[in-house]
Amino acid sequence: MNQEYEIIVNKKLVNEFVETHLLAIFIALFLSSLLILYDFWIFLSLFVRQVGHGHLRVQTCR
């Protein structure tokens, strides 16, 4: 009886642990993907500015 109860408690603890850490992992992945996109956008804008095509230019002359 006690062993079954311990297993149930352990499963509950593991589930809570996984849920909280999944949320943390999801937030970390989301932030890192945002950073990667931001770096890529900076790189792309620099590249486009160097190439200097009028219709592709990111920064307008105004």
N, C-alpha and C. Protein backbone atom coordinates (compact mmCIF):
# COMPACT_ATOMS: atom_id res chain seq x y z
N MET A 1 0.84 -1.21 0.00
CA MET A 1 0.00 0.00 0.00
C MET A 1 0.87 1.25 0.00
N ASN A 2 1.88 1.27 0.86
CA ASN A 2 2.74 2.45 0.92
C ASN A 2 3.54 2.63 -0.38
N GLN A 3 4.00 1.52 -0.94
CA GLN A 3 4.78 1.63 -2.18
C GLN A 3 3.93 2.22 -3.31
N GLU A 4 2.69 1.77 -3.42
CA GLU A 4 1.81 2.32 -4.46
C GLU A 4 1.63 3.81 -4.26
N TYR A 5 1.43 4.22 -3.01
CA TYR A 5 1.24 5.64 -2.71
C TYR A 5 2.49 6.43 -3.09
N GLU A 6 3.66 5.87 -2.77
CA GLU A 6 4.92 6.54 -3.11
C GLU A 6 5.06 6.68 -4.62
N ILE A 7 4.70 5.64 -5.36
CA ILE A 7 4.79 5.69 -6.82
C ILE A 7 3.87 6.78 -7.36
N ILE A 8 2.65 6.87 -6.81
CA ILE A 8 1.69 7.89 -7.25
C ILE A 8 2.26 9.28 -6.97
N VAL A 9 2.80 9.48 -5.77
CA VAL A 9 3.37 10.77 -5.40
C VAL A 9 4.54 11.11 -6.32
N ASN A 10 5.40 10.11 -6.59
CA ASN A 10 6.53 10.33 -7.49
C ASN A 10 6.06 10.72 -8.88
N LYS A 11 5.04 10.03 -9.40
CA LYS A 11 4.50 10.37 -10.71
C LYS A 11 3.98 11.80 -10.72
N LYS A 12 3.29 12.18 -9.63
CA LYS A 12 2.75 13.53 -9.55
C LYS A 12 3.89 14.55 -9.54
N LEU A 13 4.93 14.30 -8.74
CA LEU A 13 6.08 15.19 -8.69
C LEU A 13 6.76 15.28 -10.05
N VAL A 14 6.94 14.14 -10.69
CA VAL A 14 7.57 14.12 -12.02
C VAL A 14 6.74 14.90 -13.01
N ASN A 15 5.43 14.73 -12.98
CA ASN A 15 4.56 15.46 -13.90
C ASN A 15 4.67 16.97 -13.69
N GLU A 16 4.63 17.40 -12.41
CA GLU A 16 4.76 18.83 -12.12
C GLU A 16 6.11 19.35 -12.59
N PHE A 17 7.18 18.58 -12.31
CA PHE A 17 8.54 18.95 -12.72
C PHE A 17 8.61 19.12 -14.23
N VAL A 18 8.05 18.13 -14.96
CA VAL A 18 8.09 18.17 -16.43
C VAL A 18 7.30 19.36 -16.95
N GLU A 19 6.13 19.61 -16.37
CA GLU A 19 5.30 20.72 -16.84
C GLU A 19 6.01 22.06 -16.65
N THR A 20 6.57 22.28 -15.46
CA THR A 20 7.23 23.56 -15.21
C THR A 20 8.46 23.71 -16.10
N HIS A 21 9.21 22.62 -16.26
CA HIS A 21 10.42 22.73 -17.07
C HIS A 21 10.11 22.80 -18.56
N LEU A 22 9.00 22.18 -18.99
CA LEU A 22 8.59 22.33 -20.39
C LEU A 22 8.26 23.79 -20.67
N LEU A 23 7.57 24.44 -19.74
CA LEU A 23 7.26 25.85 -19.90
C LEU A 23 8.55 26.67 -19.99
N ALA A 24 9.50 26.38 -19.10
CA ALA A 24 10.78 27.10 -19.10
C ALA A 24 11.54 26.85 -20.41
N ILE A 25 11.55 25.60 -20.85
CA ILE A 25 12.24 25.27 -22.11
C ILE A 25 11.56 25.97 -23.27
N PHE A 26 10.22 25.99 -23.28
CA PHE A 26 9.49 26.65 -24.35
C PHE A 26 9.83 28.14 -24.38
N ILE A 27 9.85 28.79 -23.20
CA ILE A 27 10.19 30.22 -23.13
C ILE A 27 11.61 30.45 -23.63
N ALA A 28 12.55 29.59 -23.20
CA ALA A 28 13.94 29.74 -23.63
C ALA A 28 14.08 29.57 -25.14
N LEU A 29 13.41 28.56 -25.70
CA LEU A 29 13.45 28.35 -27.15
C LEU A 29 12.84 29.54 -27.88
N PHE A 30 11.73 30.06 -27.36
CA PHE A 30 11.07 31.20 -27.99
C PHE A 30 11.99 32.41 -28.00
N LEU A 31 12.63 32.70 -26.84
CA LEU A 31 13.53 33.84 -26.75
C LEU A 31 14.74 33.67 -27.66
N SER A 32 15.30 32.46 -27.69
CA SER A 32 16.48 32.24 -28.53
C SER A 32 16.11 32.36 -30.01
N SER A 33 14.92 31.87 -30.38
CA SER A 33 14.50 32.01 -31.78
C SER A 33 14.28 33.48 -32.13
N LEU A 34 13.75 34.26 -31.18
CA LEU A 34 13.60 35.70 -31.41
C LEU A 34 14.96 36.35 -31.61
N LEU A 35 15.95 35.98 -30.77
CA LEU A 35 17.29 36.53 -30.91
C LEU A 35 17.90 36.16 -32.26
N ILE A 36 17.72 34.90 -32.67
CA ILE A 36 18.26 34.45 -33.96
C ILE A 36 17.60 35.23 -35.09
N LEU A 37 16.29 35.41 -35.02
CA LEU A 37 15.59 36.17 -36.05
C LEU A 37 16.07 37.62 -36.07
N TYR A 38 16.30 38.19 -34.89
CA TYR A 38 16.77 39.57 -34.78
C TYR A 38 18.16 39.71 -35.41
N ASP A 39 19.06 38.78 -35.07
CA ASP A 39 20.40 38.79 -35.67
C ASP A 39 20.32 38.64 -37.18
N PHE A 40 19.47 37.71 -37.64
CA PHE A 40 19.31 37.49 -39.08
C PHE A 40 18.79 38.75 -39.76
N TRP A 41 17.83 39.46 -39.11
CA TRP A 41 17.27 40.68 -39.68
C TRP A 41 18.35 41.76 -39.77
N ILE A 42 19.18 41.88 -38.73
CA ILE A 42 20.28 42.86 -38.77
C ILE A 42 21.24 42.52 -39.90
N PHE A 43 21.62 41.26 -40.01
CA PHE A 43 22.52 40.82 -41.07
C PHE A 43 21.90 41.10 -42.44
N LEU A 44 20.62 40.78 -42.58
CA LEU A 44 19.93 40.98 -43.85
C LEU A 44 19.87 42.46 -44.21
N SER A 45 19.56 43.31 -43.22
CA SER A 45 19.46 44.74 -43.50
C SER A 45 20.82 45.32 -43.87
N LEU A 46 21.89 44.87 -43.18
CA LEU A 46 23.24 45.32 -43.55
C LEU A 46 23.59 44.89 -44.96
N PHE A 47 23.28 43.63 -45.27
CA PHE A 47 23.57 43.08 -46.60
C PHE A 47 22.82 43.87 -47.67
N VAL A 48 21.53 44.12 -47.43
CA VAL A 48 20.71 44.85 -48.40
C VAL A 48 21.22 46.28 -48.55
N ARG A 49 21.66 46.90 -47.45
CA ARG A 49 22.17 48.26 -47.51
C ARG A 49 23.46 48.30 -48.33
N GLN A 50 24.31 47.25 -48.18
CA GLN A 50 25.55 47.19 -48.96
C GLN A 50 25.25 46.97 -50.44
N VAL A 51 24.31 46.08 -50.72
CA VAL A 51 23.96 45.82 -52.12
C VAL A 51 23.36 47.08 -52.75
N GLY A 52 22.43 47.71 -51.99
CA GLY A 52 21.93 49.02 -52.39
C GLY A 52 20.90 49.02 -53.50
N HIS A 53 20.16 47.94 -53.68
CA HIS A 53 19.07 47.97 -54.65
C HIS A 53 17.95 48.86 -54.12
N GLY A 54 17.40 49.69 -55.00
CA GLY A 54 16.40 50.66 -54.56
C GLY A 54 15.15 50.00 -54.02
N HIS A 55 14.66 48.95 -54.69
CA HIS A 55 13.41 48.33 -54.27
C HIS A 55 13.62 47.39 -53.09
N LEU A 56 14.88 47.01 -52.80
CA LEU A 56 15.16 46.12 -51.67
C LEU A 56 15.67 46.86 -50.45
N ARG A 57 15.96 48.16 -50.61
CA ARG A 57 16.59 48.89 -49.51
C ARG A 57 15.68 48.90 -48.28
N VAL A 58 16.26 48.55 -47.12
CA VAL A 58 15.48 48.48 -45.89
C VAL A 58 15.27 49.89 -45.33
N GLN A 59 16.35 50.67 -45.25
CA GLN A 59 16.24 52.03 -44.74
C GLN A 59 15.91 52.96 -45.89
N THR A 60 14.85 53.72 -45.76
CA THR A 60 14.48 54.67 -46.80
C THR A 60 15.32 55.94 -46.66
N CYS A 61 15.33 56.74 -47.71
CA CYS A 61 16.19 57.93 -47.71
C CYS A 61 15.59 59.06 -46.88
N ARG A 62 14.29 58.96 -46.58
CA ARG A 62 13.66 60.06 -45.84
C ARG A 62 14.23 60.18 -44.44
